[in-house]
Amino acid sequence: LASTPLSLRWLSLENEQRASLSAAALDTALPEAIGIEVWCMQWMSRNTRTFFRDLRSLRKLLLTNVTCHPEIPPSFWGSLADAACLGELRLSRCPNLPPITPEVVPPSALRALRHVAVSKCRCILEDEGTWWWLWRLPALAELHVDLNEANGDAAVQMQALGPDGRRANRLRELTLAHCDDDAANNDPRRRPLGEHCAALLASSTELRTLRIDDARSVRGACLAALPRPGLLQALRFETGIPASPHDMIRHAAYFRNLREIAF
C-alpha cells in the first residue's frame, strides 16, 4: 500500500499476529476497489484520520478483529460518504472503532446499502448517532446487531417517525445477537431485553425473517408486538425460547405465511 492511488479490484488483509497498518497506508486511494476485507489488524497510530480514500466503486466492506487507537475520531469514516455503490457492511469484534455518524457519512449518500451487520463493536453500537444513521439508510433491508441494556434505548428511540407519528423501520430481516464470550454470555445485561425487543418488533412493519441469538430474556409477548405477523416467513431462536412450546404454537398461528421455525 502507498499514498498514491492503487488500481486494486479487491483488497484482503489478514494477519494472525495482528500486524499494524500505518496511517499512511490507510490514506491510500482505492478508486477501483469493489471489496475490502480486513482481519486481525492493528491501527494504533494516533495520526490515523481516514479509512482509505476514494471508495467510489466499493460494494462490500468487512472488518473483523481490528484494534485501533482509542483517539481515532468519527471522521475516520469520512471516505464512506463517497461509497455510493456500497451494498454490504459487516463489522465484527472491533471494540474501539469510532461510531459512524450522519455528520460524517450522510445516510442519503449510501442509497445501495441493504445489508448491515455490526457485532462486538461497543463504541459503535453504544453511540446514539450510529443508530440514527442506521435507521435512516434509505435501502436498509437486513440488519444484524447486538441488542442489550447498554444500547437498547438508543436502538429504539433513534428510529424515524412514520406519517402517523409512530416509530417505524422497513427491515425485511432482523437478527438480534448477543456477546458470545463466557463472561458476557452469562451476564443478563448483555442479552437482548424483552422491552427493547418488543419495541423494535412493533416498529418493524415489513419483517419477513426474525432471528434472536439469545432469547432467555425475551418473552412470548414480544412476538405479539409484530404489527403485521402475516408477513413473517422465518423465525429462529439460537439459545432458549421466549415461551413454552404451547405458547409458541399459539403465537405461530398468527404467522400465516411462516415457512421455517427453529428453537
Protein backbone atom coordinates (compact mmCIF):
# COMPACT_ATOMS: atom_id res chain seq x y z
CA LEU A 1 0.00 0.00 0.00
CA ALA A 2 1.13 3.54 -0.69
CA SER A 3 -0.06 7.12 -0.64
CA THR A 4 -0.68 7.04 -4.41
CA PRO A 5 -3.90 5.56 -5.87
CA LEU A 6 -3.91 1.79 -6.40
CA SER A 7 -5.88 0.04 -9.16
CA LEU A 8 -6.95 -2.89 -6.99
CA ARG A 9 -10.32 -4.56 -7.51
CA TRP A 10 -10.24 -6.46 -4.22
CA LEU A 11 -8.19 -5.84 -1.07
CA SER A 12 -7.93 -8.62 1.52
CA LEU A 13 -5.67 -8.20 4.56
CA GLU A 14 -5.24 -10.87 7.24
CA ASN A 15 -2.54 -11.39 9.83
CA GLU A 16 -2.84 -13.78 12.77
CA GLN A 17 -0.08 -11.85 14.56
CA ARG A 18 -2.20 -8.67 14.43
CA ALA A 19 0.17 -6.74 12.23
CA SER A 20 -0.03 -2.95 12.26
CA LEU A 21 -1.29 -0.90 9.35
CA SER A 22 0.15 2.60 9.29
CA ALA A 23 -1.76 5.85 9.00
CA ALA A 24 -0.04 6.41 5.63
CA ALA A 25 -1.27 3.04 4.34
CA LEU A 26 -4.83 3.83 5.44
CA ASP A 27 -4.60 7.08 3.47
CA THR A 28 -4.31 5.14 0.19
CA ALA A 29 -6.85 5.91 -2.54
CA LEU A 30 -8.66 2.82 -3.87
CA PRO A 31 -10.91 4.14 -6.66
CA GLU A 32 -11.42 0.74 -8.36
CA ALA A 33 -11.82 -1.50 -5.30
CA ILE A 34 -15.18 -3.29 -5.14
CA GLY A 35 -14.35 -5.23 -1.96
CA ILE A 36 -12.27 -4.65 1.17
CA GLU A 37 -11.83 -7.36 3.81
CA VAL A 38 -9.59 -6.91 6.86
CA TRP A 39 -8.98 -9.47 9.61
CA CYS A 40 -6.79 -9.31 12.71
CA MET A 41 -5.06 -5.97 12.18
CA GLN A 42 -4.00 -3.07 14.37
CA TRP A 43 -4.36 0.62 13.52
CA MET A 44 -2.60 2.05 16.53
CA SER A 45 -1.25 5.34 15.20
CA ARG A 46 -2.97 8.34 16.78
CA ASN A 47 -2.38 10.07 13.42
CA THR A 48 -4.85 7.77 11.65
CA ARG A 49 -7.50 10.05 10.19
CA THR A 50 -9.20 8.13 7.38
CA PHE A 51 -10.22 4.65 6.27
CA PHE A 52 -8.61 4.78 2.85
CA ARG A 53 -9.77 7.32 0.26
CA ASP A 54 -11.84 7.46 -2.94
CA LEU A 55 -14.03 4.39 -2.37
CA ARG A 56 -16.38 5.24 -5.23
CA SER A 57 -16.55 1.62 -6.51
CA LEU A 58 -16.80 -0.17 -3.16
CA ARG A 59 -19.60 -2.73 -2.85
CA LYS A 60 -18.57 -4.81 0.17
CA LEU A 61 -16.70 -3.87 3.36
CA LEU A 62 -15.81 -6.40 6.07
CA LEU A 63 -13.72 -5.65 9.17
CA THR A 64 -13.11 -8.37 11.78
CA ASN A 65 -10.91 -8.33 14.88
CA VAL A 66 -9.50 -4.88 14.21
CA THR A 67 -7.93 -2.92 17.06
CA CYS A 68 -7.38 0.80 16.68
CA HIS A 69 -6.07 3.74 18.69
CA PRO A 70 -8.81 4.95 21.08
CA GLU A 71 -8.40 8.55 19.90
CA ILE A 72 -9.26 7.90 16.26
CA PRO A 73 -12.17 10.34 15.56
CA PRO A 74 -15.51 9.57 13.87
CA SER A 75 -14.18 11.48 10.84
CA PHE A 76 -12.18 8.28 10.19
CA TRP A 77 -15.25 7.00 8.31
CA GLY A 78 -15.46 10.03 6.01
CA SER A 79 -14.38 8.01 2.96
CA LEU A 80 -17.66 6.06 3.13
CA ALA A 81 -19.51 9.21 2.10
CA ASP A 82 -18.16 8.55 -1.42
CA ALA A 83 -19.10 4.83 -1.39
CA ALA A 84 -22.38 5.23 -3.26
CA CYS A 85 -22.20 1.62 -4.53
CA LEU A 86 -21.72 0.05 -1.08
CA GLY A 87 -24.29 -2.72 -0.61
CA GLU A 88 -22.91 -4.71 2.32
CA LEU A 89 -21.21 -3.55 5.53
CA ARG A 90 -20.01 -6.04 8.18
CA LEU A 91 -18.13 -5.03 11.32
CA SER A 92 -17.28 -7.63 13.97
CA ARG A 93 -15.09 -7.67 17.07
CA CYS A 94 -13.79 -4.16 16.59
CA PRO A 95 -14.47 -2.79 20.11
CA ASN A 96 -12.86 0.63 19.80
CA LEU A 97 -13.62 1.64 16.24
CA PRO A 98 -15.35 5.05 16.38
CA PRO A 99 -19.09 5.41 15.76
CA ILE A 100 -20.44 6.09 12.28
CA THR A 101 -22.33 9.38 12.46
CA PRO A 102 -24.61 11.18 9.99
CA GLU A 103 -22.45 14.31 10.17
CA VAL A 104 -19.53 12.34 8.68
CA VAL A 105 -21.42 9.88 6.46
CA PRO A 106 -24.84 11.20 5.37
CA PRO A 107 -27.21 8.20 5.15
CA SER A 108 -28.58 9.57 1.88
CA ALA A 109 -25.14 9.07 0.31
CA LEU A 110 -25.41 5.28 0.71
CA ARG A 111 -28.50 4.55 -1.33
CA ALA A 112 -27.40 0.97 -2.17
CA LEU A 113 -26.59 -0.17 1.38
CA ARG A 114 -29.08 -3.00 2.08
CA HIS A 115 -27.14 -5.35 4.37
CA VAL A 116 -25.54 -4.18 7.66
CA ALA A 117 -24.10 -6.39 10.41
CA VAL A 118 -22.41 -4.89 13.49
CA SER A 119 -21.46 -7.09 16.43
CA LYS A 120 -19.00 -6.87 19.32
CA CYS A 121 -18.31 -3.22 18.41
CA ARG A 122 -19.27 -1.39 21.59
CA CYS A 123 -18.07 2.10 20.69
CA ILE A 124 -20.16 1.97 17.54
CA LEU A 125 -23.34 0.42 18.92
CA GLU A 126 -23.44 2.35 22.19
CA ASP A 127 -23.49 5.67 20.35
CA GLU A 128 -26.88 7.25 19.57
CA GLY A 129 -25.51 8.78 16.38
CA THR A 130 -24.81 5.35 14.91
CA TRP A 131 -28.40 4.24 15.46
CA TRP A 132 -29.78 7.48 14.00
CA TRP A 133 -27.58 6.82 10.96
CA LEU A 134 -28.60 3.17 10.64
CA TRP A 135 -32.33 3.80 10.74
CA ARG A 136 -32.10 6.44 8.02
CA LEU A 137 -30.21 4.39 5.45
CA PRO A 138 -32.69 4.55 2.56
CA ALA A 139 -32.23 0.95 1.33
CA LEU A 140 -31.57 -0.87 4.62
CA ALA A 141 -33.38 -4.23 4.49
CA GLU A 142 -31.25 -6.66 6.55
CA LEU A 143 -29.82 -5.75 9.96
CA HIS A 144 -27.73 -7.93 12.30
CA VAL A 145 -26.80 -6.18 15.57
CA ASP A 146 -26.12 -6.73 19.24
CA LEU A 147 -29.02 -5.55 21.38
CA ASN A 148 -28.62 -5.23 25.14
CA GLU A 149 -29.03 -2.92 28.13
CA ALA A 150 -26.15 -0.70 27.01
CA ASN A 151 -27.60 0.19 23.60
CA GLY A 152 -31.28 -0.81 23.69
CA ASP A 153 -32.67 2.65 24.42
CA ALA A 154 -30.73 4.23 21.55
CA ALA A 155 -31.71 1.42 19.18
CA VAL A 156 -35.40 2.06 19.84
CA GLN A 157 -35.51 5.83 20.28
CA MET A 158 -33.39 6.77 17.26
CA GLN A 159 -35.83 5.21 14.80
CA ALA A 160 -37.53 7.57 12.40
CA LEU A 161 -41.17 8.51 12.91
CA GLY A 162 -43.73 7.45 10.33
CA PRO A 163 -46.61 9.59 9.00
CA ASP A 164 -48.71 8.50 11.96
CA GLY A 165 -46.11 9.75 14.44
CA ARG A 166 -45.02 6.25 15.44
CA ARG A 167 -41.50 4.84 15.17
CA ALA A 168 -41.11 2.65 12.09
CA ASN A 169 -38.49 0.83 10.05
CA ARG A 170 -38.57 -1.05 6.74
CA LEU A 171 -36.45 -4.06 7.70
CA ARG A 172 -37.23 -7.35 5.99
CA GLU A 173 -34.70 -9.35 8.03
CA LEU A 174 -33.62 -8.70 11.63
CA THR A 175 -31.07 -10.62 13.72
CA LEU A 176 -30.58 -9.67 17.36
CA ALA A 177 -27.27 -11.05 18.58
CA HIS A 178 -25.52 -11.35 21.93
CA CYS A 179 -21.96 -11.47 23.26
CA ASP A 180 -20.56 -14.98 22.91
CA ASP A 181 -17.63 -14.87 25.33
CA ASP A 182 -18.20 -16.82 28.56
CA ALA A 183 -18.37 -13.83 30.92
CA ALA A 184 -20.77 -11.80 28.81
CA ASN A 185 -22.83 -14.82 27.83
CA ASN A 186 -23.87 -15.28 31.47
CA ASP A 187 -24.46 -11.58 32.08
CA PRO A 188 -28.17 -10.71 31.65
CA ARG A 189 -27.21 -7.11 30.84
CA ARG A 190 -25.58 -8.27 27.60
CA ARG A 191 -28.67 -10.16 26.36
CA PRO A 192 -31.48 -8.67 24.26
CA LEU A 193 -34.02 -7.22 26.71
CA GLY A 194 -37.67 -8.06 26.24
CA GLU A 195 -38.84 -4.45 26.32
CA HIS A 196 -36.34 -3.34 23.69
CA CYS A 197 -37.02 -6.39 21.55
CA ALA A 198 -40.78 -5.77 21.68
CA ALA A 199 -40.33 -2.08 20.82
CA LEU A 200 -38.19 -2.92 17.77
CA LEU A 201 -40.61 -5.57 16.56
CA ALA A 202 -43.54 -3.18 17.00
CA SER A 203 -41.76 -0.81 14.60
CA SER A 204 -40.93 -3.49 12.02
CA THR A 205 -43.82 -3.27 9.59
CA GLU A 206 -42.18 -5.22 6.73
CA LEU A 207 -40.40 -8.02 8.63
CA ARG A 208 -40.07 -11.42 6.90
CA THR A 209 -37.25 -13.03 8.91
CA LEU A 210 -36.52 -12.77 12.64
CA ARG A 211 -33.57 -14.36 14.44
CA ILE A 212 -32.77 -13.92 18.12
CA ASP A 213 -29.47 -15.46 19.21
CA ASP A 214 -30.23 -15.42 22.94
CA ALA A 215 -33.92 -15.43 23.88
CA ARG A 216 -33.50 -16.11 27.61
CA SER A 217 -34.56 -12.57 28.50
CA VAL A 218 -37.31 -12.37 25.89
CA ARG A 219 -40.96 -13.28 26.47
CA GLY A 220 -43.62 -14.51 24.10
CA ALA A 221 -45.34 -11.12 24.23
CA CYS A 222 -42.52 -9.79 22.05
CA LEU A 223 -43.83 -11.83 19.13
CA ALA A 224 -47.29 -10.38 19.67
CA ALA A 225 -45.78 -6.91 19.11
CA LEU A 226 -45.27 -7.52 15.39
CA PRO A 227 -47.75 -5.24 13.60
CA ARG A 228 -48.06 -7.50 10.53
CA PRO A 229 -47.45 -11.08 11.72
CA GLY A 230 -48.83 -12.49 8.48
CA LEU A 231 -45.68 -11.32 6.64
CA LEU A 232 -43.25 -13.35 8.78
CA GLN A 233 -41.76 -16.33 6.93
CA ALA A 234 -38.83 -17.44 9.15
CA LEU A 235 -38.40 -17.46 12.94
CA ARG A 236 -35.31 -18.77 14.75
CA PHE A 237 -34.07 -18.76 18.36
CA GLU A 238 -30.49 -19.95 18.88
CA THR A 239 -30.46 -20.08 22.72
CA GLY A 240 -33.57 -20.51 24.82
CA ILE A 241 -37.14 -19.92 23.69
CA PRO A 242 -39.31 -16.96 24.70
CA ALA A 243 -42.29 -19.09 25.73
CA SER A 244 -43.45 -22.64 26.39
CA PRO A 245 -43.94 -24.85 23.31
CA HIS A 246 -47.71 -24.49 23.82
CA ASP A 247 -47.47 -20.68 23.75
CA MET A 248 -45.12 -20.82 20.77
CA ILE A 249 -47.70 -22.78 18.80
CA ARG A 250 -50.38 -20.28 19.83
CA HIS A 251 -48.26 -17.34 18.63
CA ALA A 252 -47.29 -19.18 15.46
CA ALA A 253 -50.95 -19.39 14.50
CA TYR A 254 -50.82 -15.66 13.72
CA PHE A 255 -47.90 -16.18 11.32
CA ARG A 256 -49.97 -17.46 8.41
CA ASN A 257 -47.05 -17.50 5.97
CA LEU A 258 -44.42 -18.95 8.34
CA ARG A 259 -42.27 -21.47 6.45
CA GLU A 260 -39.42 -22.00 8.91
CA ILE A 261 -39.28 -22.12 12.71
CA ALA A 262 -36.36 -23.30 14.85
CA PHE A 263 -35.61 -23.14 18.59
